[in-house]
Amino acid sequence: MTSSPIELTVPHAISVAVSDDTLTVDLSDGRTISVPLAWYPRLVHGGEDERRKWRLIGRGEGIHWPELDEDVSVEALLAGKPSGESQESFGRWLRNRQGPA
């Protein structure tokens, strides 16, 4: 018996919306995926204006929030993977964001 490999193509993002608790991405294949905002602590700690300032990267393979230094790939969203940032890295970012104590 022979089997042929399945080729999977990852759709690209075409639109993004961020609410107080959800990241929602419209995909090129017609699907919309929503994930908990809690998966991305930098987005949680970002202001409404900062969350609105996103841009697509890699022809829609991912989303970048320049003011929050956050990147999210469509592939990770589809795989159900939350941010892989370490607590140490996030803590440094948060401390720098809050300024000197």
N, C-alpha and C. Protein backbone atom coordinates (compact mmCIF):
# COMPACT_ATOMS: atom_id res chain seq x y z
N MET A 1 0.85 -1.17 0.00
CA MET A 1 0.00 0.00 0.00
C MET A 1 0.90 1.24 0.00
N THR A 2 0.57 2.16 -0.82
CA THR A 2 1.32 3.42 -0.85
C THR A 2 0.42 4.54 -0.41
N SER A 3 1.03 5.51 0.14
CA SER A 3 0.26 6.68 0.54
C SER A 3 0.99 7.91 0.03
N SER A 4 0.23 8.90 -0.28
CA SER A 4 0.85 10.14 -0.73
C SER A 4 0.73 11.18 0.38
N PRO A 5 1.76 11.99 0.49
CA PRO A 5 1.71 13.01 1.55
C PRO A 5 0.61 14.04 1.27
N ILE A 6 0.04 14.51 2.33
CA ILE A 6 -0.98 15.55 2.21
C ILE A 6 -0.28 16.89 2.24
N GLU A 7 -0.54 17.68 1.25
CA GLU A 7 0.03 19.02 1.24
C GLU A 7 -0.95 19.98 1.89
N LEU A 8 -0.47 20.64 2.93
CA LEU A 8 -1.30 21.61 3.62
C LEU A 8 -0.82 23.00 3.26
N THR A 9 -1.73 23.82 2.89
CA THR A 9 -1.38 25.21 2.64
C THR A 9 -2.02 26.05 3.74
N VAL A 10 -1.23 26.91 4.31
CA VAL A 10 -1.70 27.77 5.38
C VAL A 10 -2.27 29.04 4.74
N PRO A 11 -3.54 29.35 5.02
CA PRO A 11 -4.11 30.58 4.48
C PRO A 11 -3.41 31.79 5.08
N HIS A 12 -3.62 32.93 4.48
CA HIS A 12 -3.01 34.13 5.04
C HIS A 12 -4.07 35.01 5.68
N ALA A 13 -3.62 35.85 6.59
CA ALA A 13 -4.52 36.78 7.28
C ALA A 13 -4.89 37.91 6.32
N ILE A 14 -6.14 38.34 6.40
CA ILE A 14 -6.55 39.47 5.59
C ILE A 14 -7.11 40.62 6.44
N SER A 15 -7.54 40.30 7.66
CA SER A 15 -8.09 41.32 8.54
C SER A 15 -7.92 40.86 9.98
N VAL A 16 -7.76 41.85 10.87
CA VAL A 16 -7.51 41.55 12.28
C VAL A 16 -8.38 42.47 13.14
N ALA A 17 -8.92 41.92 14.22
CA ALA A 17 -9.66 42.71 15.20
C ALA A 17 -9.26 42.23 16.59
N VAL A 18 -9.10 43.19 17.49
CA VAL A 18 -8.74 42.85 18.87
C VAL A 18 -9.76 43.50 19.79
N SER A 19 -10.44 42.67 20.58
CA SER A 19 -11.37 43.19 21.59
C SER A 19 -10.69 43.10 22.95
N ASP A 20 -11.42 43.36 24.00
CA ASP A 20 -10.85 43.29 25.34
C ASP A 20 -10.45 41.87 25.73
N ASP A 21 -11.04 40.87 25.08
CA ASP A 21 -10.73 39.49 25.47
C ASP A 21 -10.47 38.52 24.32
N THR A 22 -10.50 39.01 23.05
CA THR A 22 -10.37 38.10 21.92
C THR A 22 -9.54 38.71 20.80
N LEU A 23 -8.71 37.88 20.18
CA LEU A 23 -8.02 38.22 18.94
C LEU A 23 -8.74 37.46 17.83
N THR A 24 -9.23 38.18 16.84
CA THR A 24 -9.98 37.58 15.74
C THR A 24 -9.28 37.90 14.43
N VAL A 25 -9.05 36.86 13.62
CA VAL A 25 -8.35 37.03 12.35
C VAL A 25 -9.18 36.41 11.24
N ASP A 26 -9.47 37.19 10.21
CA ASP A 26 -10.12 36.68 9.01
C ASP A 26 -9.06 36.15 8.08
N LEU A 27 -9.30 34.95 7.54
CA LEU A 27 -8.31 34.28 6.70
C LEU A 27 -8.72 34.27 5.23
N SER A 28 -7.72 34.09 4.38
CA SER A 28 -7.95 34.14 2.94
C SER A 28 -8.82 33.01 2.42
N ASP A 29 -8.98 31.93 3.18
CA ASP A 29 -9.81 30.81 2.73
C ASP A 29 -11.26 30.93 3.20
N GLY A 30 -11.60 32.08 3.79
CA GLY A 30 -12.98 32.31 4.22
C GLY A 30 -13.23 32.03 5.68
N ARG A 31 -12.30 31.41 6.36
CA ARG A 31 -12.48 31.13 7.78
C ARG A 31 -12.16 32.37 8.61
N THR A 32 -12.70 32.39 9.80
CA THR A 32 -12.35 33.38 10.81
C THR A 32 -11.96 32.60 12.04
N ILE A 33 -10.82 32.95 12.61
CA ILE A 33 -10.35 32.26 13.81
C ILE A 33 -10.28 33.27 14.95
N SER A 34 -10.77 32.86 16.10
CA SER A 34 -10.73 33.70 17.30
C SER A 34 -10.04 32.92 18.41
N VAL A 35 -9.15 33.61 19.11
CA VAL A 35 -8.44 32.99 20.22
C VAL A 35 -8.50 33.94 21.41
N PRO A 36 -8.32 33.42 22.62
CA PRO A 36 -8.34 34.28 23.80
C PRO A 36 -7.18 35.28 23.75
N LEU A 37 -7.46 36.52 24.05
CA LEU A 37 -6.42 37.53 24.08
C LEU A 37 -5.37 37.19 25.14
N ALA A 38 -5.78 36.47 26.17
CA ALA A 38 -4.87 36.07 27.24
C ALA A 38 -3.69 35.25 26.72
N TRP A 39 -3.81 34.69 25.52
CA TRP A 39 -2.70 33.95 24.93
C TRP A 39 -1.53 34.88 24.60
N TYR A 40 -1.79 36.16 24.51
CA TYR A 40 -0.78 37.14 24.09
C TYR A 40 -0.71 38.27 25.11
N PRO A 41 0.07 38.09 26.18
CA PRO A 41 0.11 39.06 27.27
C PRO A 41 0.44 40.48 26.83
N ARG A 42 1.28 40.64 25.81
CA ARG A 42 1.60 42.01 25.37
C ARG A 42 0.35 42.70 24.81
N LEU A 43 -0.49 41.95 24.14
CA LEU A 43 -1.74 42.53 23.65
C LEU A 43 -2.68 42.85 24.81
N VAL A 44 -2.70 41.99 25.81
CA VAL A 44 -3.53 42.23 26.99
C VAL A 44 -3.13 43.55 27.65
N HIS A 45 -1.82 43.79 27.75
CA HIS A 45 -1.32 44.99 28.42
C HIS A 45 -1.25 46.20 27.51
N GLY A 46 -1.56 46.02 26.24
CA GLY A 46 -1.55 47.14 25.31
C GLY A 46 -2.83 47.94 25.40
N GLY A 47 -2.72 49.19 25.06
CA GLY A 47 -3.90 50.04 25.02
C GLY A 47 -4.70 49.80 23.74
N GLU A 48 -5.91 50.28 23.74
CA GLU A 48 -6.79 50.10 22.58
C GLU A 48 -6.15 50.65 21.30
N ASP A 49 -5.55 51.83 21.38
CA ASP A 49 -4.90 52.41 20.21
C ASP A 49 -3.73 51.55 19.74
N GLU A 50 -2.94 51.03 20.67
CA GLU A 50 -1.80 50.19 20.30
C GLU A 50 -2.27 48.90 19.64
N ARG A 51 -3.35 48.33 20.13
CA ARG A 51 -3.88 47.09 19.54
C ARG A 51 -4.42 47.31 18.14
N ARG A 52 -4.92 48.50 17.87
CA ARG A 52 -5.46 48.80 16.54
C ARG A 52 -4.35 49.00 15.50
N LYS A 53 -3.14 49.27 15.94
CA LYS A 53 -2.03 49.57 15.03
C LYS A 53 -1.26 48.29 14.71
N TRP A 54 -1.85 47.45 13.90
CA TRP A 54 -1.23 46.21 13.47
C TRP A 54 -0.94 46.31 11.98
N ARG A 55 -0.06 45.43 11.52
CA ARG A 55 0.18 45.31 10.08
C ARG A 55 0.46 43.85 9.77
N LEU A 56 0.11 43.46 8.55
CA LEU A 56 0.38 42.10 8.11
C LEU A 56 1.84 42.00 7.72
N ILE A 57 2.45 40.86 8.03
CA ILE A 57 3.84 40.63 7.66
C ILE A 57 3.91 39.34 6.83
N GLY A 58 4.92 39.27 5.97
CA GLY A 58 5.10 38.07 5.16
C GLY A 58 3.90 37.75 4.30
N ARG A 59 3.34 38.77 3.67
CA ARG A 59 2.15 38.59 2.80
C ARG A 59 0.98 37.95 3.54
N GLY A 60 0.85 38.31 4.81
CA GLY A 60 -0.27 37.81 5.61
C GLY A 60 0.02 36.53 6.36
N GLU A 61 1.29 36.10 6.38
CA GLU A 61 1.64 34.91 7.16
C GLU A 61 1.59 35.19 8.65
N GLY A 62 1.64 36.47 9.00
CA GLY A 62 1.60 36.84 10.40
C GLY A 62 1.12 38.27 10.58
N ILE A 63 0.99 38.65 11.83
CA ILE A 63 0.53 39.99 12.21
C ILE A 63 1.55 40.57 13.16
N HIS A 64 1.85 41.87 12.97
CA HIS A 64 2.83 42.55 13.82
C HIS A 64 2.20 43.79 14.42
N TRP A 65 2.40 43.98 15.72
CA TRP A 65 2.00 45.19 16.44
C TRP A 65 3.28 45.93 16.80
N PRO A 66 3.68 46.94 16.02
CA PRO A 66 4.97 47.59 16.24
C PRO A 66 5.11 48.25 17.61
N GLU A 67 4.05 48.87 18.12
CA GLU A 67 4.16 49.56 19.41
C GLU A 67 4.25 48.60 20.59
N LEU A 68 3.84 47.35 20.38
CA LEU A 68 3.87 46.35 21.44
C LEU A 68 4.97 45.31 21.20
N ASP A 69 5.65 45.42 20.07
CA ASP A 69 6.69 44.47 19.68
C ASP A 69 6.17 43.04 19.77
N GLU A 70 5.00 42.81 19.19
CA GLU A 70 4.36 41.49 19.23
C GLU A 70 4.15 40.99 17.81
N ASP A 71 4.47 39.72 17.59
CA ASP A 71 4.24 39.05 16.31
C ASP A 71 3.44 37.78 16.57
N VAL A 72 2.44 37.54 15.72
CA VAL A 72 1.63 36.34 15.83
C VAL A 72 1.52 35.75 14.43
N SER A 73 1.85 34.47 14.28
CA SER A 73 1.74 33.83 12.97
C SER A 73 0.38 33.16 12.81
N VAL A 74 -0.09 33.13 11.57
CA VAL A 74 -1.35 32.45 11.28
C VAL A 74 -1.21 30.96 11.58
N GLU A 75 -0.07 30.41 11.25
CA GLU A 75 0.16 28.99 11.51
C GLU A 75 0.01 28.66 12.99
N ALA A 76 0.56 29.50 13.87
CA ALA A 76 0.44 29.28 15.31
C ALA A 76 -1.01 29.40 15.76
N LEU A 77 -1.74 30.37 15.20
CA LEU A 77 -3.15 30.51 15.55
C LEU A 77 -3.92 29.25 15.18
N LEU A 78 -3.69 28.75 13.97
CA LEU A 78 -4.40 27.55 13.51
C LEU A 78 -4.02 26.32 14.33
N ALA A 79 -2.79 26.29 14.81
CA ALA A 79 -2.33 25.16 15.62
C ALA A 79 -2.74 25.28 17.09
N GLY A 80 -3.33 26.42 17.46
CA GLY A 80 -3.75 26.60 18.84
C GLY A 80 -2.60 26.86 19.79
N LYS A 81 -1.54 27.51 19.28
CA LYS A 81 -0.36 27.77 20.12
C LYS A 81 -0.38 29.21 20.63
N PRO A 82 -0.44 29.38 21.93
CA PRO A 82 -0.34 30.72 22.51
C PRO A 82 1.09 31.23 22.41
N SER A 83 1.30 32.44 22.85
CA SER A 83 2.64 33.05 22.83
C SER A 83 3.65 32.13 23.49
N GLY A 84 4.82 32.04 22.88
CA GLY A 84 5.88 31.23 23.45
C GLY A 84 6.88 32.06 24.23
N GLU A 85 6.55 33.32 24.48
CA GLU A 85 7.47 34.20 25.19
C GLU A 85 7.62 33.75 26.64
N SER A 86 8.85 33.74 27.10
CA SER A 86 9.10 33.33 28.48
C SER A 86 8.58 34.39 29.45
N GLN A 87 8.32 33.98 30.67
CA GLN A 87 7.89 34.91 31.71
C GLN A 87 8.97 35.96 31.96
N GLU A 88 10.23 35.54 31.88
CA GLU A 88 11.33 36.46 32.10
C GLU A 88 11.34 37.55 31.03
N SER A 89 11.20 37.16 29.79
CA SER A 89 11.19 38.13 28.69
C SER A 89 9.99 39.07 28.81
N PHE A 90 8.83 38.51 29.09
CA PHE A 90 7.64 39.35 29.23
C PHE A 90 7.79 40.31 30.41
N GLY A 91 8.36 39.81 31.51
CA GLY A 91 8.57 40.66 32.68
C GLY A 91 9.47 41.85 32.37
N ARG A 92 10.55 41.59 31.63
CA ARG A 92 11.46 42.68 31.23
C ARG A 92 10.71 43.70 30.37
N TRP A 93 9.93 43.20 29.40
CA TRP A 93 9.17 44.10 28.53
C TRP A 93 8.20 44.95 29.35
N LEU A 94 7.50 44.31 30.27
CA LEU A 94 6.52 45.01 31.09
C LEU A 94 7.19 46.05 31.98
N ARG A 95 8.32 45.71 32.59
CA ARG A 95 9.04 46.67 33.43
C ARG A 95 9.51 47.87 32.59
N ASN A 96 10.05 47.63 31.42
CA ASN A 96 10.49 48.73 30.54
C ASN A 96 9.32 49.59 30.10
N ARG A 97 8.20 48.97 29.91
CA ARG A 97 7.00 49.69 29.48
C ARG A 97 6.50 50.62 30.60
N GLN A 98 6.61 50.15 31.83
CA GLN A 98 6.11 50.92 32.96
C GLN A 98 7.09 52.01 33.38
N GLY A 99 8.31 51.94 32.89
CA GLY A 99 9.30 52.96 33.23
C GLY A 99 9.98 52.68 34.56
N PRO A 100 10.90 53.56 34.95
CA PRO A 100 11.63 53.35 36.21
C PRO A 100 10.69 53.39 37.42
N ALA A 101 11.04 52.60 38.39
CA ALA A 101 10.21 52.52 39.61
C ALA A 101 10.42 53.72 40.50
